[in-house]
N, C-alpha and C. Protein backbone atom coordinates (compact mmCIF):
# COMPACT_ATOMS: atom_id res chain seq x y z
N MET A 1 13.60 -21.61 29.66
CA MET A 1 13.41 -23.03 29.51
C MET A 1 13.31 -23.66 30.89
N VAL A 2 12.68 -24.85 30.93
CA VAL A 2 12.51 -25.60 32.17
C VAL A 2 13.14 -26.97 31.97
N ILE A 3 13.93 -27.39 32.97
CA ILE A 3 14.50 -28.73 32.95
C ILE A 3 13.91 -29.46 34.13
N GLY A 4 13.16 -30.54 33.85
CA GLY A 4 12.49 -31.24 34.94
C GLY A 4 12.31 -32.70 34.66
N ASN A 5 11.46 -33.32 35.48
CA ASN A 5 11.17 -34.74 35.39
C ASN A 5 9.67 -34.97 35.30
N PRO A 6 8.99 -34.39 34.30
CA PRO A 6 7.54 -34.54 34.24
C PRO A 6 7.14 -35.99 34.01
N GLU A 7 6.13 -36.41 34.77
CA GLU A 7 5.62 -37.77 34.64
C GLU A 7 6.73 -38.81 34.81
N GLY A 8 7.80 -38.47 35.54
CA GLY A 8 8.89 -39.40 35.76
C GLY A 8 9.89 -39.50 34.62
N LEU A 9 9.74 -38.66 33.59
CA LEU A 9 10.66 -38.68 32.45
C LEU A 9 11.80 -37.72 32.75
N GLU A 10 12.92 -38.27 33.18
CA GLU A 10 14.02 -37.47 33.69
C GLU A 10 14.65 -36.56 32.64
N PHE A 11 15.10 -35.39 33.10
CA PHE A 11 15.86 -34.42 32.32
C PHE A 11 15.15 -33.99 31.04
N THR A 12 13.86 -33.72 31.16
CA THR A 12 13.09 -33.21 30.03
C THR A 12 13.27 -31.70 29.96
N VAL A 13 13.56 -31.19 28.78
CA VAL A 13 13.76 -29.76 28.57
C VAL A 13 12.59 -29.23 27.75
N SER A 14 11.96 -28.17 28.24
CA SER A 14 10.91 -27.51 27.47
C SER A 14 11.22 -26.02 27.45
N ASP A 15 10.82 -25.37 26.35
CA ASP A 15 11.11 -23.95 26.26
C ASP A 15 9.82 -23.16 26.08
N GLY A 16 9.92 -21.89 26.35
CA GLY A 16 8.77 -21.00 26.24
C GLY A 16 9.21 -19.59 26.51
N ILE A 17 8.25 -18.75 26.82
CA ILE A 17 8.54 -17.36 27.12
C ILE A 17 7.98 -16.99 28.49
N ILE A 18 8.45 -15.87 29.01
CA ILE A 18 7.83 -15.32 30.21
C ILE A 18 6.58 -14.59 29.71
N ALA A 19 5.42 -15.08 30.11
CA ALA A 19 4.16 -14.50 29.65
C ALA A 19 3.78 -13.29 30.49
N ALA A 20 4.13 -13.30 31.77
CA ALA A 20 3.78 -12.17 32.65
C ALA A 20 4.47 -12.35 33.99
N PHE A 21 4.58 -11.23 34.70
CA PHE A 21 5.01 -11.26 36.09
C PHE A 21 3.76 -10.97 36.91
N ARG A 22 3.55 -11.71 37.97
CA ARG A 22 2.36 -11.58 38.81
C ARG A 22 2.76 -11.27 40.25
N ASP A 23 1.82 -10.74 40.99
CA ASP A 23 2.00 -10.48 42.43
C ASP A 23 3.31 -9.76 42.73
N ASN A 24 3.45 -8.56 42.18
CA ASN A 24 4.65 -7.74 42.42
C ASN A 24 5.93 -8.47 42.06
N ARG A 25 5.91 -9.21 40.96
CA ARG A 25 7.06 -9.93 40.41
C ARG A 25 7.53 -11.09 41.27
N THR A 26 6.66 -11.55 42.21
CA THR A 26 7.04 -12.72 43.01
C THR A 26 6.73 -14.01 42.26
N ILE A 27 5.78 -13.95 41.33
CA ILE A 27 5.38 -15.11 40.54
C ILE A 27 5.63 -14.80 39.06
N ILE A 28 6.19 -15.78 38.36
CA ILE A 28 6.45 -15.63 36.92
C ILE A 28 5.50 -16.58 36.19
N GLN A 29 4.72 -16.04 35.27
CA GLN A 29 3.87 -16.88 34.41
C GLN A 29 4.69 -17.22 33.18
N ILE A 30 4.80 -18.53 32.89
CA ILE A 30 5.62 -18.99 31.77
C ILE A 30 4.79 -19.82 30.80
N SER A 31 5.22 -19.84 29.56
CA SER A 31 4.52 -20.66 28.56
C SER A 31 5.23 -21.99 28.30
N ALA A 32 6.39 -22.20 28.89
CA ALA A 32 7.08 -23.49 28.72
C ALA A 32 6.18 -24.59 29.28
N PRO A 33 5.91 -25.63 28.49
CA PRO A 33 5.04 -26.70 28.97
C PRO A 33 5.65 -27.42 30.16
N VAL A 34 4.87 -27.56 31.21
CA VAL A 34 5.28 -28.36 32.37
C VAL A 34 4.13 -29.29 32.73
N SER A 35 4.46 -30.43 33.32
CA SER A 35 3.47 -31.43 33.69
C SER A 35 3.68 -31.82 35.14
N HIS A 36 2.80 -32.71 35.62
CA HIS A 36 2.96 -33.22 36.99
C HIS A 36 4.37 -33.78 37.12
N GLY A 37 5.00 -33.50 38.24
CA GLY A 37 6.36 -33.95 38.46
C GLY A 37 7.39 -32.88 38.15
N SER A 38 6.93 -31.74 37.61
CA SER A 38 7.86 -30.67 37.27
C SER A 38 8.03 -29.66 38.41
N SER A 39 7.19 -29.72 39.43
CA SER A 39 7.31 -28.77 40.54
C SER A 39 8.72 -28.84 41.11
N GLY A 40 9.29 -27.68 41.35
CA GLY A 40 10.65 -27.61 41.87
C GLY A 40 11.71 -27.56 40.80
N SER A 41 11.30 -27.67 39.54
CA SER A 41 12.27 -27.61 38.44
C SER A 41 12.73 -26.17 38.22
N PRO A 42 13.98 -25.98 37.83
CA PRO A 42 14.46 -24.62 37.59
C PRO A 42 13.90 -24.04 36.29
N VAL A 43 13.60 -22.75 36.31
CA VAL A 43 13.24 -22.01 35.11
C VAL A 43 14.49 -21.19 34.78
N LEU A 44 15.06 -21.43 33.60
CA LEU A 44 16.34 -20.84 33.23
C LEU A 44 16.21 -19.87 32.07
N ASP A 45 17.04 -18.84 32.08
CA ASP A 45 17.20 -17.98 30.91
C ASP A 45 18.04 -18.79 29.92
N SER A 46 17.48 -19.06 28.75
CA SER A 46 18.17 -19.95 27.81
C SER A 46 19.46 -19.35 27.26
N GLU A 47 19.61 -18.04 27.34
CA GLU A 47 20.85 -17.43 26.84
C GLU A 47 21.95 -17.40 27.88
N SER A 48 21.60 -17.00 29.10
CA SER A 48 22.64 -16.86 30.13
C SER A 48 22.75 -18.07 31.05
N GLY A 49 21.69 -18.89 31.08
CA GLY A 49 21.69 -20.03 32.00
C GLY A 49 21.32 -19.63 33.42
N GLN A 50 20.99 -18.37 33.64
CA GLN A 50 20.63 -17.87 34.98
C GLN A 50 19.28 -18.47 35.40
N VAL A 51 19.21 -18.89 36.67
CA VAL A 51 17.95 -19.41 37.20
C VAL A 51 17.04 -18.22 37.51
N LEU A 52 15.89 -18.20 36.83
CA LEU A 52 14.93 -17.11 37.01
C LEU A 52 13.91 -17.43 38.09
N GLY A 53 13.68 -18.72 38.30
CA GLY A 53 12.70 -19.13 39.30
C GLY A 53 12.61 -20.63 39.39
N ILE A 54 11.65 -21.08 40.18
CA ILE A 54 11.42 -22.50 40.40
C ILE A 54 9.95 -22.78 40.10
N VAL A 55 9.67 -23.81 39.28
CA VAL A 55 8.30 -24.15 38.91
C VAL A 55 7.48 -24.42 40.17
N LYS A 56 6.33 -23.78 40.23
CA LYS A 56 5.45 -23.87 41.39
C LYS A 56 4.18 -24.64 41.08
N SER A 57 3.50 -24.29 39.99
CA SER A 57 2.21 -24.90 39.72
C SER A 57 1.81 -24.72 38.27
N ILE A 58 0.77 -25.48 37.90
CA ILE A 58 0.18 -25.36 36.57
C ILE A 58 -1.32 -25.21 36.76
N ARG A 59 -1.96 -24.65 35.78
CA ARG A 59 -3.42 -24.60 35.76
C ARG A 59 -3.88 -25.53 34.66
N GLU A 60 -4.45 -26.66 35.04
CA GLU A 60 -4.84 -27.66 34.06
C GLU A 60 -5.99 -27.20 33.18
N GLU A 61 -6.81 -26.29 33.70
CA GLU A 61 -7.95 -25.85 32.90
C GLU A 61 -7.55 -24.90 31.77
N GLY A 62 -6.34 -24.44 31.75
CA GLY A 62 -5.85 -23.57 30.68
C GLY A 62 -4.66 -24.21 30.00
N GLN A 63 -4.35 -23.73 28.81
CA GLN A 63 -3.22 -24.29 28.08
C GLN A 63 -1.97 -23.46 28.35
N ASN A 64 -0.92 -24.11 28.80
CA ASN A 64 0.36 -23.47 29.11
C ASN A 64 0.22 -22.31 30.10
N LEU A 65 -0.61 -22.50 31.10
CA LEU A 65 -0.69 -21.55 32.21
C LEU A 65 0.13 -22.15 33.34
N ASN A 66 1.41 -21.81 33.35
CA ASN A 66 2.36 -22.40 34.28
C ASN A 66 3.01 -21.28 35.08
N PHE A 67 3.33 -21.57 36.34
CA PHE A 67 3.81 -20.53 37.23
C PHE A 67 5.07 -20.97 37.98
N ALA A 68 5.93 -20.00 38.24
CA ALA A 68 7.17 -20.24 38.97
C ALA A 68 7.33 -19.16 40.03
N ILE A 69 7.96 -19.52 41.12
CA ILE A 69 8.32 -18.54 42.14
C ILE A 69 9.63 -17.91 41.69
N SER A 70 9.69 -16.59 41.70
CA SER A 70 10.89 -15.91 41.21
C SER A 70 12.08 -16.16 42.13
N SER A 71 13.27 -16.15 41.54
CA SER A 71 14.50 -16.36 42.31
C SER A 71 14.65 -15.31 43.40
N GLU A 72 14.26 -14.08 43.09
CA GLU A 72 14.37 -13.00 44.07
C GLU A 72 13.50 -13.29 45.30
N THR A 73 12.30 -13.80 45.07
CA THR A 73 11.40 -14.12 46.17
C THR A 73 11.99 -15.23 47.03
N ILE A 74 12.56 -16.23 46.40
CA ILE A 74 13.19 -17.33 47.14
C ILE A 74 14.37 -16.82 47.95
N ARG A 75 15.24 -16.01 47.29
CA ARG A 75 16.41 -15.45 47.97
C ARG A 75 15.98 -14.61 49.18
N ASP A 76 14.96 -13.75 49.00
CA ASP A 76 14.50 -12.89 50.09
C ASP A 76 13.91 -13.71 51.24
N GLY A 77 13.18 -14.79 50.90
CA GLY A 77 12.60 -15.64 51.94
C GLY A 77 13.67 -16.34 52.76
N ILE A 78 14.72 -16.81 52.09
CA ILE A 78 15.83 -17.47 52.79
C ILE A 78 16.54 -16.46 53.70
N ALA A 79 16.81 -15.28 53.17
CA ALA A 79 17.50 -14.25 53.97
C ALA A 79 16.68 -13.89 55.20
N LYS A 80 15.37 -13.78 55.04
CA LYS A 80 14.50 -13.43 56.17
C LYS A 80 14.52 -14.53 57.22
N SER A 81 14.47 -15.79 56.78
CA SER A 81 14.51 -16.91 57.72
C SER A 81 15.81 -16.93 58.50
N ILE A 82 16.92 -16.69 57.79
CA ILE A 82 18.23 -16.69 58.45
C ILE A 82 18.31 -15.56 59.47
N SER A 83 17.82 -14.38 59.09
CA SER A 83 17.90 -13.24 60.01
C SER A 83 17.02 -13.44 61.24
N GLN A 84 15.99 -14.26 61.12
CA GLN A 84 15.11 -14.54 62.26
C GLN A 84 15.56 -15.78 63.03
N GLY A 85 16.68 -16.37 62.62
CA GLY A 85 17.20 -17.56 63.31
C GLY A 85 16.43 -18.82 62.99
N LEU A 86 15.74 -18.86 61.83
CA LEU A 86 14.95 -20.03 61.47
C LEU A 86 15.77 -20.94 60.56
N ASP A 87 15.39 -22.20 60.53
CA ASP A 87 16.09 -23.11 59.63
C ASP A 87 15.55 -22.95 58.22
N LYS A 88 16.03 -23.78 57.28
CA LYS A 88 15.65 -23.62 55.88
C LYS A 88 14.17 -23.88 55.63
N TYR A 89 13.46 -24.47 56.61
CA TYR A 89 12.03 -24.71 56.46
C TYR A 89 11.20 -23.65 57.19
N GLY A 90 11.89 -22.64 57.76
CA GLY A 90 11.18 -21.57 58.47
C GLY A 90 10.78 -21.96 59.89
N VAL A 91 11.49 -22.92 60.48
CA VAL A 91 11.16 -23.41 61.82
C VAL A 91 12.27 -22.98 62.77
N PRO A 92 11.88 -22.47 63.96
CA PRO A 92 12.92 -22.13 64.94
C PRO A 92 13.66 -23.38 65.40
N PRO A 93 14.93 -23.22 65.78
CA PRO A 93 15.69 -24.39 66.22
C PRO A 93 15.11 -24.97 67.50
N ALA A 94 15.15 -26.30 67.59
CA ALA A 94 14.66 -26.98 68.79
C ALA A 94 15.72 -26.87 69.88
N PRO A 95 15.28 -26.93 71.14
CA PRO A 95 16.26 -26.90 72.22
C PRO A 95 17.21 -28.10 72.09
N MET A 96 18.44 -27.89 72.47
CA MET A 96 19.47 -28.91 72.32
C MET A 96 19.29 -29.98 73.39
N VAL A 97 19.04 -31.21 72.97
CA VAL A 97 18.95 -32.35 73.87
C VAL A 97 19.91 -33.40 73.34
N VAL A 98 20.80 -33.83 74.21
CA VAL A 98 21.79 -34.80 73.78
C VAL A 98 21.39 -36.17 74.30
N THR A 99 21.20 -37.07 73.38
CA THR A 99 20.90 -38.46 73.73
C THR A 99 21.90 -39.34 73.00
N PRO A 100 22.34 -40.38 73.67
CA PRO A 100 23.30 -41.25 72.99
C PRO A 100 22.63 -41.91 71.78
N PRO A 101 23.38 -42.08 70.72
CA PRO A 101 22.78 -42.68 69.53
C PRO A 101 22.41 -44.14 69.76
N THR A 102 21.31 -44.53 69.19
CA THR A 102 20.86 -45.92 69.24
C THR A 102 21.29 -46.57 67.93
N PRO A 103 21.96 -47.70 68.02
CA PRO A 103 22.37 -48.35 66.78
C PRO A 103 21.13 -48.74 65.97
N VAL A 104 21.21 -48.50 64.69
CA VAL A 104 20.11 -48.83 63.79
C VAL A 104 20.64 -49.81 62.75
N ILE A 105 19.92 -50.90 62.63
CA ILE A 105 20.28 -51.89 61.62
C ILE A 105 19.21 -51.81 60.54
N VAL A 106 19.63 -51.51 59.35
CA VAL A 106 18.70 -51.40 58.24
C VAL A 106 19.00 -52.51 57.25
N ALA A 107 18.00 -53.30 57.00
CA ALA A 107 18.15 -54.38 56.03
C ALA A 107 17.52 -53.93 54.72
N THR A 108 18.25 -54.03 53.67
CA THR A 108 17.71 -53.73 52.35
C THR A 108 17.11 -55.00 51.81
N PRO A 109 15.78 -54.98 51.59
CA PRO A 109 15.16 -56.22 51.12
C PRO A 109 15.63 -56.59 49.72
N THR A 110 15.80 -57.86 49.52
CA THR A 110 16.15 -58.36 48.19
C THR A 110 14.88 -58.32 47.35
N PRO A 111 14.96 -57.78 46.15
CA PRO A 111 13.75 -57.75 45.32
C PRO A 111 13.22 -59.15 45.06
N SER A 112 11.91 -59.28 45.10
CA SER A 112 11.30 -60.57 44.82
C SER A 112 11.41 -60.87 43.33
N ALA A 113 11.12 -62.11 42.99
CA ALA A 113 11.14 -62.50 41.57
C ALA A 113 10.12 -61.68 40.79
N ALA A 114 8.96 -61.43 41.42
CA ALA A 114 7.91 -60.64 40.75
C ALA A 114 8.40 -59.21 40.51
N GLU A 115 9.11 -58.62 41.48
CA GLU A 115 9.62 -57.26 41.31
C GLU A 115 10.67 -57.21 40.21
N ASN A 116 11.53 -58.23 40.14
CA ASN A 116 12.53 -58.27 39.07
C ASN A 116 11.86 -58.39 37.70
N LEU A 117 10.85 -59.25 37.61
CA LEU A 117 10.11 -59.41 36.37
C LEU A 117 9.36 -58.12 36.03
N ALA A 118 8.82 -57.47 37.06
CA ALA A 118 8.13 -56.20 36.85
C ALA A 118 9.09 -55.17 36.25
N ASP A 119 10.33 -55.14 36.72
CA ASP A 119 11.32 -54.22 36.15
C ASP A 119 11.54 -54.50 34.67
N ASP A 120 11.57 -55.78 34.31
CA ASP A 120 11.74 -56.13 32.89
C ASP A 120 10.59 -55.59 32.06
N TYR A 121 9.36 -55.78 32.55
CA TYR A 121 8.20 -55.26 31.82
C TYR A 121 8.23 -53.73 31.76
N PHE A 122 8.65 -53.11 32.87
CA PHE A 122 8.71 -51.64 32.90
C PHE A 122 9.68 -51.12 31.84
N LEU A 123 10.88 -51.70 31.80
CA LEU A 123 11.88 -51.26 30.82
C LEU A 123 11.41 -51.49 29.39
N ARG A 124 10.72 -52.60 29.18
CA ARG A 124 10.16 -52.85 27.86
C ARG A 124 9.08 -51.82 27.53
N GLY A 125 8.29 -51.45 28.53
CA GLY A 125 7.27 -50.41 28.33
C GLY A 125 7.89 -49.08 27.95
N ILE A 126 9.00 -48.74 28.57
CA ILE A 126 9.71 -47.49 28.22
C ILE A 126 10.17 -47.56 26.77
N ASP A 127 10.75 -48.70 26.37
CA ASP A 127 11.21 -48.85 24.98
C ASP A 127 10.04 -48.73 24.00
N GLU A 128 8.90 -49.35 24.34
CA GLU A 128 7.72 -49.26 23.48
C GLU A 128 7.25 -47.81 23.37
N TRP A 129 7.25 -47.11 24.49
CA TRP A 129 6.81 -45.71 24.50
C TRP A 129 7.73 -44.86 23.62
N LYS A 130 9.04 -45.06 23.78
CA LYS A 130 10.00 -44.30 22.98
C LYS A 130 9.84 -44.57 21.48
N ALA A 131 9.44 -45.82 21.14
CA ALA A 131 9.25 -46.19 19.75
C ALA A 131 7.90 -45.73 19.20
N GLY A 132 7.07 -45.14 20.06
CA GLY A 132 5.76 -44.67 19.61
C GLY A 132 4.69 -45.73 19.63
N ASN A 133 4.99 -46.91 20.17
CA ASN A 133 4.00 -47.98 20.30
C ASN A 133 3.33 -47.84 21.67
N TYR A 134 2.39 -46.89 21.76
CA TYR A 134 1.78 -46.56 23.05
C TYR A 134 0.89 -47.67 23.57
N LYS A 135 0.22 -48.40 22.69
CA LYS A 135 -0.62 -49.52 23.13
C LYS A 135 0.25 -50.63 23.72
N GLY A 136 1.38 -50.90 23.08
CA GLY A 136 2.32 -51.89 23.63
C GLY A 136 2.87 -51.43 24.97
N ALA A 137 3.16 -50.13 25.08
CA ALA A 137 3.66 -49.58 26.35
C ALA A 137 2.62 -49.77 27.45
N ILE A 138 1.34 -49.50 27.12
CA ILE A 138 0.27 -49.66 28.11
C ILE A 138 0.21 -51.11 28.58
N THR A 139 0.32 -52.04 27.65
CA THR A 139 0.29 -53.47 28.01
C THR A 139 1.44 -53.80 28.97
N ASP A 140 2.64 -53.33 28.66
CA ASP A 140 3.80 -53.63 29.51
C ASP A 140 3.70 -52.94 30.87
N PHE A 141 3.25 -51.68 30.91
CA PHE A 141 3.10 -50.99 32.19
C PHE A 141 1.99 -51.64 33.03
N THR A 142 0.94 -52.11 32.38
CA THR A 142 -0.14 -52.80 33.10
C THR A 142 0.38 -54.09 33.73
N GLU A 143 1.21 -54.82 33.01
CA GLU A 143 1.80 -56.05 33.56
C GLU A 143 2.75 -55.71 34.71
N THR A 144 3.50 -54.60 34.59
CA THR A 144 4.36 -54.15 35.69
C THR A 144 3.52 -53.92 36.94
N ILE A 145 2.38 -53.24 36.77
CA ILE A 145 1.51 -52.93 37.91
C ILE A 145 0.90 -54.21 38.49
N ARG A 146 0.55 -55.17 37.64
CA ARG A 146 0.01 -56.44 38.14
C ARG A 146 1.04 -57.15 39.02
N LEU A 147 2.29 -57.15 38.58
CA LEU A 147 3.35 -57.82 39.33
C LEU A 147 3.83 -57.01 40.53
N TRP A 148 3.77 -55.69 40.43
CA TRP A 148 4.28 -54.82 41.49
C TRP A 148 3.32 -53.64 41.64
N PRO A 149 2.21 -53.84 42.36
CA PRO A 149 1.14 -52.84 42.44
C PRO A 149 1.57 -51.48 43.00
N ARG A 150 2.71 -51.38 43.67
CA ARG A 150 3.15 -50.11 44.24
C ARG A 150 4.14 -49.35 43.33
N SER A 151 4.24 -49.76 42.09
CA SER A 151 5.19 -49.13 41.17
C SER A 151 4.64 -47.81 40.64
N THR A 152 5.00 -46.73 41.32
CA THR A 152 4.52 -45.40 40.88
C THR A 152 5.01 -45.09 39.48
N ARG A 153 6.23 -45.49 39.16
CA ARG A 153 6.77 -45.15 37.85
C ARG A 153 6.00 -45.85 36.73
N ALA A 154 5.45 -47.04 37.01
CA ALA A 154 4.65 -47.73 36.00
C ALA A 154 3.33 -46.99 35.77
N TYR A 155 2.74 -46.48 36.87
CA TYR A 155 1.51 -45.69 36.72
C TYR A 155 1.79 -44.42 35.91
N TYR A 156 2.92 -43.75 36.21
CA TYR A 156 3.28 -42.55 35.44
C TYR A 156 3.54 -42.88 33.97
N GLY A 157 4.24 -43.99 33.73
CA GLY A 157 4.52 -44.38 32.35
C GLY A 157 3.25 -44.69 31.59
N ARG A 158 2.34 -45.41 32.24
CA ARG A 158 1.07 -45.75 31.58
C ARG A 158 0.25 -44.48 31.34
N ALA A 159 0.30 -43.53 32.28
CA ALA A 159 -0.41 -42.27 32.10
C ALA A 159 0.13 -41.53 30.87
N ALA A 160 1.45 -41.52 30.71
CA ALA A 160 2.05 -40.83 29.55
C ALA A 160 1.61 -41.50 28.25
N ALA A 161 1.52 -42.84 28.25
CA ALA A 161 1.08 -43.56 27.05
C ALA A 161 -0.39 -43.26 26.76
N TYR A 162 -1.23 -43.25 27.81
CA TYR A 162 -2.64 -42.90 27.61
C TYR A 162 -2.77 -41.49 27.06
N ASP A 163 -1.98 -40.56 27.62
CA ASP A 163 -2.01 -39.17 27.11
C ASP A 163 -1.66 -39.13 25.63
N ALA A 164 -0.63 -39.88 25.24
CA ALA A 164 -0.20 -39.89 23.84
C ALA A 164 -1.30 -40.42 22.92
N LEU A 165 -2.16 -41.28 23.45
CA LEU A 165 -3.27 -41.82 22.66
C LEU A 165 -4.54 -40.98 22.78
N GLY A 166 -4.46 -39.90 23.57
CA GLY A 166 -5.60 -39.00 23.71
C GLY A 166 -6.60 -39.44 24.77
N ASN A 167 -6.28 -40.46 25.55
CA ASN A 167 -7.17 -40.92 26.61
C ASN A 167 -6.77 -40.22 27.91
N HIS A 168 -7.12 -38.95 28.00
CA HIS A 168 -6.66 -38.11 29.11
C HIS A 168 -7.32 -38.46 30.44
N SER A 169 -8.56 -38.97 30.39
CA SER A 169 -9.22 -39.32 31.66
C SER A 169 -8.52 -40.52 32.31
N GLN A 170 -8.15 -41.53 31.50
CA GLN A 170 -7.43 -42.68 32.06
C GLN A 170 -6.04 -42.25 32.52
N ALA A 171 -5.41 -41.33 31.78
CA ALA A 171 -4.10 -40.83 32.16
C ALA A 171 -4.19 -40.13 33.52
N ALA A 172 -5.23 -39.33 33.70
CA ALA A 172 -5.41 -38.62 34.98
C ALA A 172 -5.61 -39.61 36.13
N GLN A 173 -6.35 -40.68 35.89
CA GLN A 173 -6.55 -41.69 36.94
C GLN A 173 -5.23 -42.33 37.34
N ASP A 174 -4.39 -42.64 36.34
CA ASP A 174 -3.10 -43.24 36.65
C ASP A 174 -2.19 -42.27 37.39
N ARG A 175 -2.18 -41.00 36.99
CA ARG A 175 -1.36 -40.01 37.71
C ARG A 175 -1.84 -39.87 39.15
N ASN A 176 -3.16 -39.84 39.35
CA ASN A 176 -3.70 -39.74 40.71
C ASN A 176 -3.29 -40.94 41.56
N LYS A 177 -3.34 -42.14 40.96
CA LYS A 177 -2.93 -43.35 41.69
C LYS A 177 -1.44 -43.28 42.05
N ALA A 178 -0.63 -42.80 41.12
CA ALA A 178 0.81 -42.68 41.40
C ALA A 178 1.06 -41.70 42.53
N GLU A 179 0.36 -40.57 42.51
CA GLU A 179 0.52 -39.58 43.58
C GLU A 179 0.07 -40.15 44.93
N GLU A 180 -1.02 -40.90 44.91
CA GLU A 180 -1.52 -41.54 46.13
C GLU A 180 -0.47 -42.51 46.69
N LEU A 181 0.14 -43.29 45.82
CA LEU A 181 1.17 -44.23 46.26
C LEU A 181 2.41 -43.51 46.78
N ARG A 182 2.77 -42.39 46.16
CA ARG A 182 3.95 -41.65 46.61
C ARG A 182 3.78 -41.11 48.01
N LYS A 183 2.54 -40.79 48.39
CA LYS A 183 2.27 -40.21 49.72
C LYS A 183 2.30 -41.25 50.83
N LYS A 184 2.22 -42.52 50.46
CA LYS A 184 2.20 -43.59 51.49
C LYS A 184 3.58 -43.92 51.96
């Protein structure tokens, strides 16, 4: 089973089987459905709870063609990095330079009235989606985006509603926009 946050829907559990081991057992092909946002989710043995791997990718052109990096591969990669003196990202340590710390003042902006209203529409959109009123959810997520154009979660929510209505091309556009906003 996979526990992840596909399309921003937290703690979603999906189950499936191990369909195959690939590349000398470094990659596990699984049939558990995963979506955008599931990368990095654990793949668990549903009986023992043991982590078998971490979701790596999906093939959109096929149905349930999902892949995970095996736990053994991850463990071996970490051990190799440690033995070579590399950090967890595989980078050698930088030379030690000591500089006195500079005080940093961080102001947390107060949400604007539009952002607060956008949150209200977003939460209503989630309720509509949960109730199966996907058209109502789309309306509420669209209003969220109008009020707060950088709301990635509203784009993901609207994409999920479009998917539920079978409008996969519009759903893909919203997911792409959300990913674009996340990178900024």
